[in-house]
C-alpha atoms as a PDB file:
ATOM      1  CA  UNK A   1     -96.335  -1.944   6.316  1.00  0.00           C
ATOM      2  CA  UNK A   2     -93.156  -3.359   7.817  1.00  0.00           C
ATOM      3  CA  UNK A   3     -94.484  -5.579  10.598  1.00  0.00           C
ATOM      4  CA  UNK A   4     -91.134  -6.633  12.016  1.00  0.00           C
ATOM      5  CA  UNK A   5     -90.376  -3.455  14.020  1.00  0.00           C
ATOM      6  CA  UNK A   6     -94.027  -3.225  15.087  1.00  0.00           C
ATOM      7  CA  UNK A   7     -94.041  -6.752  16.499  1.00  0.00           C
ATOM      8  CA  UNK A   8     -90.587  -6.289  18.039  1.00  0.00           C
ATOM      9  CA  UNK A   9     -91.791  -3.143  19.801  1.00  0.00           C
ATOM     10  CA  UNK A  10     -94.845  -4.961  21.121  1.00  0.00           C
ATOM     11  CA  UNK A  11     -92.833  -7.984  22.297  1.00  0.00           C
ATOM     12  CA  UNK A  12     -90.502  -5.708  24.232  1.00  0.00           C
ATOM     13  CA  UNK A  13     -93.496  -4.326  26.161  1.00  0.00           C
ATOM     14  CA  UNK A  14     -96.494  -6.610  25.562  1.00  0.00           C
ATOM     15  CA  UNK A  15     -99.984  -5.273  26.265  1.00  0.00           C
ATOM     16  CA  UNK A  16    -102.854  -7.677  25.657  1.00  0.00           C
ATOM     17  CA  UNK A  17    -105.333  -5.265  24.051  1.00  0.00           C
ATOM     18  CA  UNK A  18    -102.918  -3.849  21.454  1.00  0.00           C
ATOM     19  CA  UNK A  19    -101.409  -7.275  20.772  1.00  0.00           C
ATOM     20  CA  UNK A  20    -104.848  -8.753  20.198  1.00  0.00           C
ATOM     21  CA  UNK A  21    -105.720  -6.054  17.671  1.00  0.00           C
ATOM     22  CA  UNK A  22    -102.375  -6.624  15.968  1.00  0.00           C
ATOM     23  CA  UNK A  23    -103.061 -10.349  15.636  1.00  0.00           C
ATOM     24  CA  UNK A  24    -106.666  -9.790  14.518  1.00  0.00           C
ATOM     25  CA  UNK A  25    -105.337  -7.648  11.693  1.00  0.00           C
ATOM     26  CA  UNK A  26    -102.338  -9.652  10.543  1.00  0.00           C
ATOM     27  CA  UNK A  27    -102.639 -13.150  12.094  1.00  0.00           C
ATOM     28  CA  UNK A  28    -104.191 -16.071  10.233  1.00  0.00           C
ATOM     29  CA  UNK A  29    -105.014 -18.652  12.926  1.00  0.00           C
ATOM     30  CA  UNK A  30    -108.770 -18.464  13.463  1.00  0.00           C
ATOM     31  CA  UNK A  31    -108.602 -20.591  16.621  1.00  0.00           C
ATOM     32  CA  UNK A  32    -106.263 -18.053  18.198  1.00  0.00           C
ATOM     33  CA  UNK A  33    -108.559 -15.198  17.172  1.00  0.00           C
ATOM     34  CA  UNK A  34    -111.554 -16.890  18.786  1.00  0.00           C
ATOM     35  CA  UNK A  35    -109.518 -17.480  21.947  1.00  0.00           C
ATOM     36  CA  UNK A  36    -108.395 -13.841  22.139  1.00  0.00           C
ATOM     37  CA  UNK A  37    -111.957 -12.643  21.520  1.00  0.00           C
ATOM     38  CA  UNK A  38    -113.300 -14.751  24.414  1.00  0.00           C
ATOM     39  CA  UNK A  39    -110.522 -14.480  26.965  1.00  0.00           C
ATOM     40  CA  UNK A  40    -107.988 -11.976  28.241  1.00  0.00           C
ATOM     41  CA  UNK A  41    -106.502 -13.962  31.132  1.00  0.00           C
ATOM     42  CA  UNK A  42    -102.859 -14.915  31.692  1.00  0.00           C
ATOM     43  CA  UNK A  43    -103.181 -18.139  29.684  1.00  0.00           C
ATOM     44  CA  UNK A  44    -104.534 -16.293  26.652  1.00  0.00           C
ATOM     45  CA  UNK A  45    -101.828 -13.641  27.110  1.00  0.00           C
ATOM     46  CA  UNK A  46     -99.088 -16.298  26.928  1.00  0.00           C
ATOM     47  CA  UNK A  47    -100.652 -17.753  23.765  1.00  0.00           C
ATOM     48  CA  UNK A  48    -100.839 -14.239  22.277  1.00  0.00           C
ATOM     49  CA  UNK A  49     -97.138 -13.639  22.939  1.00  0.00           C
ATOM     50  CA  UNK A  50     -96.257 -16.936  21.268  1.00  0.00           C
ATOM     51  CA  UNK A  51     -98.640 -16.279  18.365  1.00  0.00           C
ATOM     52  CA  UNK A  52     -97.073 -12.895  17.601  1.00  0.00           C
ATOM     53  CA  UNK A  53     -93.577 -14.339  17.993  1.00  0.00           C
ATOM     54  CA  UNK A  54     -94.556 -17.073  15.531  1.00  0.00           C
ATOM     55  CA  UNK A  55     -96.025 -14.461  13.175  1.00  0.00           C
ATOM     56  CA  UNK A  56     -92.747 -12.548  13.381  1.00  0.00           C
ATOM     57  CA  UNK A  57     -90.716 -15.706  12.652  1.00  0.00           C
ATOM     58  CA  UNK A  58     -92.813 -16.435   9.555  1.00  0.00           C
ATOM     59  CA  UNK A  59     -92.762 -12.950   8.035  1.00  0.00           C
ATOM     60  CA  UNK A  60     -91.722 -13.126   4.357  1.00  0.00           C
ATOM     61  CA  UNK A  61     -88.278 -11.859   3.486  1.00  0.00           C
ATOM     62  CA  UNK A  62     -88.175  -8.369   2.060  1.00  0.00           C
ATOM     63  CA  UNK A  63     -88.013  -8.331  -1.740  1.00  0.00           C
ATOM     64  CA  UNK A  64     -84.759  -6.845  -2.998  1.00  0.00           C
ATOM     65  CA  UNK A  65     -84.754  -4.854  -6.220  1.00  0.00           C
ATOM     66  CA  UNK A  66     -82.947  -6.641  -9.032  1.00  0.00           C
ATOM     67  CA  UNK A  67     -80.500  -3.760  -9.594  1.00  0.00           C
ATOM     68  CA  UNK A  68     -79.271  -3.921  -6.020  1.00  0.00           C
ATOM     69  CA  UNK A  69     -76.820  -6.561  -4.846  1.00  0.00           C
ATOM     70  CA  UNK A  70     -78.176  -9.274  -2.583  1.00  0.00           C
ATOM     71  CA  UNK A  71     -77.803  -8.232   1.015  1.00  0.00           C
ATOM     72  CA  UNK A  72     -78.014 -10.871   3.703  1.00  0.00           C
ATOM     73  CA  UNK A  73     -79.582  -9.806   6.980  1.00  0.00           C
ATOM     74  CA  UNK A  74     -77.090  -9.580   9.835  1.00  0.00           C
ATOM     75  CA  UNK A  75     -76.782 -12.752  11.888  1.00  0.00           C
ATOM     76  CA  UNK A  76     -77.858 -12.320  15.488  1.00  0.00           C
ATOM     77  CA  UNK A  77     -75.090 -13.021  18.020  1.00  0.00           C
ATOM     78  CA  UNK A  78     -77.180 -15.833  19.510  1.00  0.00           C
ATOM     79  CA  UNK A  79     -77.489 -17.510  16.094  1.00  0.00           C
ATOM     80  CA  UNK A  80     -73.822 -17.183  15.199  1.00  0.00           C
ATOM     81  CA  UNK A  81     -71.607 -20.267  14.963  1.00  0.00           C
ATOM     82  CA  UNK A  82     -69.335 -18.542  17.468  1.00  0.00           C
ATOM     83  CA  UNK A  83     -72.079 -18.157  20.074  1.00  0.00           C
ATOM     84  CA  UNK A  84     -71.228 -19.642  23.491  1.00  0.00           C
ATOM     85  CA  UNK A  85     -72.224 -23.264  23.934  1.00  0.00           C
ATOM     86  CA  UNK A  86     -74.782 -22.298  26.578  1.00  0.00           C
ATOM     87  CA  UNK A  87     -76.549 -20.125  23.988  1.00  0.00           C
ATOM     88  CA  UNK A  88     -76.358 -22.832  21.331  1.00  0.00           C
ATOM     89  CA  UNK A  89     -77.957 -25.269  23.776  1.00  0.00           C
ATOM     90  CA  UNK A  90     -80.832 -22.807  24.244  1.00  0.00           C
ATOM     91  CA  UNK A  91     -81.298 -22.423  20.483  1.00  0.00           C
ATOM     92  CA  UNK A  92     -81.309 -26.205  20.013  1.00  0.00           C
ATOM     93  CA  UNK A  93     -83.823 -26.609  22.818  1.00  0.00           C
ATOM     94  CA  UNK A  94     -86.076 -23.908  21.363  1.00  0.00           C
ATOM     95  CA  UNK A  95     -86.106 -25.642  17.980  1.00  0.00           C
ATOM     96  CA  UNK A  96     -86.910 -28.955  19.667  1.00  0.00           C
ATOM     97  CA  UNK A  97     -89.814 -27.348  21.530  1.00  0.00           C
ATOM     98  CA  UNK A  98     -91.182 -25.870  18.297  1.00  0.00           C
ATOM     99  CA  UNK A  99     -90.938 -29.268  16.583  1.00  0.00           C
ATOM    100  CA  UNK A 100     -92.886 -30.803  19.451  1.00  0.00           C
ATOM    101  CA  UNK A 101     -95.531 -28.064  19.213  1.00  0.00           C
ATOM    102  CA  UNK A 102     -95.989 -28.823  15.500  1.00  0.00           C
ATOM    103  CA  UNK A 103     -96.422 -32.545  16.206  1.00  0.00           C
ATOM    104  CA  UNK A 104     -98.902 -31.848  18.992  1.00  0.00           C
ATOM    105  CA  UNK A 105    -100.921 -29.579  16.688  1.00  0.00           C
ATOM    106  CA  UNK A 106    -101.214 -32.495  14.264  1.00  0.00           C
ATOM    107  CA  UNK A 107    -102.405 -34.653  17.170  1.00  0.00           C
ATOM    108  CA  UNK A 108    -105.088 -32.076  18.004  1.00  0.00           C
ATOM    109  CA  UNK A 109    -106.414 -32.357  14.453  1.00  0.00           C
ATOM    110  CA  UNK A 110    -106.356 -36.155  14.230  1.00  0.00           C
ATOM    111  CA  UNK A 111    -106.976 -37.586  17.698  1.00  0.00           C
ATOM    112  CA  UNK A 112    -110.460 -38.866  18.495  1.00  0.00           C
ATOM    113  CA  UNK A 113    -109.764 -38.843  22.228  1.00  0.00           C
ATOM    114  CA  UNK A 114    -110.957 -35.747  24.062  1.00  0.00           C
ATOM    115  CA  UNK A 115    -108.608 -36.544  26.948  1.00  0.00           C
ATOM    116  CA  UNK A 116    -105.630 -36.883  24.604  1.00  0.00           C
ATOM    117  CA  UNK A 117    -106.485 -33.618  22.862  1.00  0.00           C
ATOM    118  CA  UNK A 118    -106.817 -31.888  26.223  1.00  0.00           C
ATOM    119  CA  UNK A 119    -103.411 -33.123  27.353  1.00  0.00           C
ATOM    120  CA  UNK A 120    -101.893 -32.081  24.027  1.00  0.00           C
ATOM    121  CA  UNK A 121    -103.376 -28.576  24.317  1.00  0.00           C
ATOM    122  CA  UNK A 122    -102.035 -28.250  27.868  1.00  0.00           C
ATOM    123  CA  UNK A 123     -98.610 -29.404  26.728  1.00  0.00           C
ATOM    124  CA  UNK A 124     -98.620 -26.857  23.875  1.00  0.00           C
ATOM    125  CA  UNK A 125     -99.322 -24.030  26.323  1.00  0.00           C
ATOM    126  CA  UNK A 126     -96.520 -25.277  28.574  1.00  0.00           C
ATOM    127  CA  UNK A 127     -94.106 -25.504  25.633  1.00  0.00           C
ATOM    128  CA  UNK A 128     -94.962 -21.995  24.486  1.00  0.00           C
ATOM    129  CA  UNK A 129     -94.141 -20.703  27.963  1.00  0.00           C
ATOM    130  CA  UNK A 130     -90.763 -22.461  27.779  1.00  0.00           C
ATOM    131  CA  UNK A 131     -90.154 -21.091  24.274  1.00  0.00           C
ATOM    132  CA  UNK A 132     -90.933 -17.558  25.435  1.00  0.00           C
ATOM    133  CA  UNK A 133     -88.456 -17.914  28.292  1.00  0.00           C
ATOM    134  CA  UNK A 134     -85.746 -18.978  25.855  1.00  0.00           C
ATOM    135  CA  UNK A 135     -86.564 -16.072  23.522  1.00  0.00           C
ATOM    136  CA  UNK A 136     -86.202 -13.689  26.446  1.00  0.00           C
ATOM    137  CA  UNK A 137     -82.792 -15.154  27.265  1.00  0.00           C
ATOM    138  CA  UNK A 138     -81.461 -15.115  23.690  1.00  0.00           C
ATOM    139  CA  UNK A 139     -82.842 -11.603  23.067  1.00  0.00           C
ATOM    140  CA  UNK A 140     -81.055 -10.468  26.221  1.00  0.00           C
ATOM    141  CA  UNK A 141     -77.847 -12.059  24.934  1.00  0.00           C
ATOM    142  CA  UNK A 142     -78.254 -10.308  21.562  1.00  0.00           C
ATOM    143  CA  UNK A 143     -78.592  -6.947  23.340  1.00  0.00           C
ATOM    144  CA  UNK A 144     -75.942  -7.322  26.036  1.00  0.00           C
ATOM    145  CA  UNK A 145     -73.650 -10.171  25.027  1.00  0.00           C
ATOM    146  CA  UNK A 146     -74.504 -12.066  28.218  1.00  0.00           C
ATOM    147  CA  UNK A 147     -77.220 -14.461  29.282  1.00  0.00           C
ATOM    148  CA  UNK A 148     -79.497 -13.129  32.042  1.00  0.00           C
ATOM    149  CA  UNK A 149     -79.426 -14.491  35.536  1.00  0.00           C
ATOM    150  CA  UNK A 150     -82.037 -17.247  35.844  1.00  0.00           C
ATOM    151  CA  UNK A 151     -83.867 -17.738  39.114  1.00  0.00           C
ATOM    152  CA  UNK A 152     -83.417 -21.127  40.707  1.00  0.00           C
ATOM    153  CA  UNK A 153     -86.182 -23.541  39.746  1.00  0.00           C
ATOM    154  CA  UNK A 154     -88.317 -25.474  42.169  1.00  0.00           C
ATOM    155  CA  UNK A 155     -86.956 -28.865  43.292  1.00  0.00           C
ATOM    156  CA  UNK A 156     -87.215 -31.408  40.499  1.00  0.00           C
ATOM    157  CA  UNK A 157     -89.593 -33.771  42.266  1.00  0.00           C
ATOM    158  CA  UNK A 158     -91.995 -30.915  43.075  1.00  0.00           C
ATOM    159  CA  UNK A 159     -91.840 -29.618  39.505  1.00  0.00           C
ATOM    160  CA  UNK A 160     -92.328 -33.015  37.895  1.00  0.00           C
ATOM    161  CA  UNK A 161     -95.216 -34.042  40.117  1.00  0.00           C
ATOM    162  CA  UNK A 162     -97.266 -31.137  38.755  1.00  0.00           C
ATOM    163  CA  UNK A 163     -96.993 -32.334  35.150  1.00  0.00           C
ATOM    164  CA  UNK A 164     -99.645 -34.390  33.366  1.00  0.00           C
ATOM    165  CA  UNK A 165     -98.929 -37.878  32.037  1.00  0.00           C
ATOM    166  CA  UNK A 166     -98.356 -36.851  28.408  1.00  0.00           C
ATOM    167  CA  UNK A 167     -95.922 -34.120  29.440  1.00  0.00           C
ATOM    168  CA  UNK A 168     -94.023 -36.539  31.686  1.00  0.00           C
ATOM    169  CA  UNK A 169     -93.699 -39.122  28.922  1.00  0.00           C
ATOM    170  CA  UNK A 170     -92.572 -36.495  26.419  1.00  0.00           C
ATOM    171  CA  UNK A 171     -90.049 -35.087  28.894  1.00  0.00           C
ATOM    172  CA  UNK A 172     -88.692 -38.579  29.512  1.00  0.00           C
ATOM    173  CA  UNK A 173     -88.271 -39.190  25.761  1.00  0.00           C
ATOM    174  CA  UNK A 174     -86.612 -35.807  25.196  1.00  0.00           C
ATOM    175  CA  UNK A 175     -84.246 -36.477  28.091  1.00  0.00           C
ATOM    176  CA  UNK A 176     -83.299 -39.849  26.604  1.00  0.00           C
ATOM    177  CA  UNK A 177     -82.418 -38.217  23.287  1.00  0.00           C
ATOM    178  CA  UNK A 178     -80.375 -35.521  25.020  1.00  0.00           C
ATOM    179  CA  UNK A 179     -78.512 -37.982  27.229  1.00  0.00           C
ATOM    180  CA  UNK A 180     -77.727 -40.210  24.254  1.00  0.00           C
ATOM    181  CA  UNK A 181     -76.471 -37.226  22.254  1.00  0.00           C
ATOM    182  CA  UNK A 182     -73.969 -36.082  24.886  1.00  0.00           C
ATOM    183  CA  UNK A 183     -73.163 -39.418  26.543  1.00  0.00           C
ATOM    184  CA  UNK A 184     -69.850 -39.942  24.736  1.00  0.00           C
ATOM    185  CA  UNK A 185     -68.875 -36.310  24.173  1.00  0.00           C
ATOM    186  CA  UNK A 186     -66.581 -34.046  26.111  1.00  0.00           C
ATOM    187  CA  UNK A 187     -69.045 -31.771  27.875  1.00  0.00           C
ATOM    188  CA  UNK A 188     -68.599 -28.157  28.912  1.00  0.00           C
ATOM    189  CA  UNK A 189     -69.615 -27.065  32.393  1.00  0.00           C
ATOM    190  CA  UNK A 190     -72.937 -25.755  31.079  1.00  0.00           C
ATOM    191  CA  UNK A 191     -73.759 -28.942  29.190  1.00  0.00           C
ATOM    192  CA  UNK A 192     -72.576 -31.064  32.114  1.00  0.00           C
ATOM    193  CA  UNK A 193     -74.991 -29.278  34.456  1.00  0.00           C
ATOM    194  CA  UNK A 194     -77.883 -29.793  32.032  1.00  0.00           C
ATOM    195  CA  UNK A 195     -76.816 -33.406  31.449  1.00  0.00           C
ATOM    196  CA  UNK A 196     -76.841 -34.170  35.177  1.00  0.00           C
ATOM    197  CA  UNK A 197     -80.185 -32.388  35.628  1.00  0.00           C
ATOM    198  CA  UNK A 198     -81.846 -34.518  32.972  1.00  0.00           C
ATOM    199  CA  UNK A 199     -80.142 -37.643  34.229  1.00  0.00           C
ATOM    200  CA  UNK A 200     -81.563 -37.017  37.697  1.00  0.00           C
ATOM    201  CA  UNK A 201     -85.036 -36.468  36.260  1.00  0.00           C
ATOM    202  CA  UNK A 202     -85.320 -39.878  34.611  1.00  0.00           C
ATOM    203  CA  UNK A 203     -85.760 -42.109  37.698  1.00  0.00           C
ATOM    204  CA  UNK A 204     -88.059 -39.489  39.236  1.00  0.00           C
ATOM    205  CA  UNK A 205     -90.301 -39.514  36.159  1.00  0.00           C
ATOM    206  CA  UNK A 206     -90.339 -43.314  36.127  1.00  0.00           C
ATOM    207  CA  UNK A 207     -91.316 -43.381  39.798  1.00  0.00           C
ATOM    208  CA  UNK A 208     -94.150 -40.872  39.321  1.00  0.00           C
ATOM    209  CA  UNK A 209     -95.540 -42.796  36.338  1.00  0.00           C
ATOM    210  CA  UNK A 210     -95.243 -46.078  38.247  1.00  0.00           C
ATOM    211  CA  UNK A 211     -97.160 -44.669  41.216  1.00  0.00           C
ATOM    212  CA  UNK A 212     -99.866 -43.308  38.941  1.00  0.00           C
ATOM    213  CA  UNK A 213    -100.148 -46.653  37.185  1.00  0.00           C
ATOM    214  CA  UNK A 214    -100.465 -48.460  40.482  1.00  0.00           C
ATOM    215  CA  UNK A 215    -103.193 -46.075  41.583  1.00  0.00           C
ATOM    216  CA  UNK A 216    -104.960 -46.734  38.266  1.00  0.00           C
ATOM    217  CA  UNK A 217    -104.774 -43.109  37.141  1.00  0.00           C
ATOM    218  CA  UNK A 218    -102.582 -43.842  34.144  1.00  0.00           C
ATOM    219  CA  UNK A 219    -103.481 -46.077  31.189  1.00  0.00           C
ATOM    220  CA  UNK A 220    -100.783 -47.728  29.155  1.00  0.00           C
END
């Protein structure tokens, strides 16, 4: 069975019950299966969307008969070298989020701290939400040739204050890498806006962590 069109069809109109059965049949992560068997709330739904997207990304390439010439799959517009810089920034960010998810999964397996594992699990769920948002934007670009309109986010200080300590520290580190990468480059308007957003976040994150340390809610 060719799973790719099946998963694509589900992702375009996700329904928890059918997605769960799809993952039960073809997914391999037993932790996910236990989660989907126990829960059907919004949190589990977001994990299910990410799990099926991950399953789609890891589908084996179709075997080509030896008598036929090698045919490369068409490159999506969002993954083309000629894609607008705003789209390339999204792709880079999505890959960075996935790399962080992989590292956090390793932490879940190795950490002896229940608190640390809990924070890592929360961060993974948050990252998967961010990854899904990026997929929605790049899929929209692939279909229409334009990025969708994005609703204005909450003010930075309000958004940051809701994050846990591990997420704040990780965000700070990711911002540092991004700012260092583009510090000496000529930046487009899109990159400049993102650069200034991250730059403004840094002192806010430091202030939040400082206040938490002073109130003895954060251990260094």
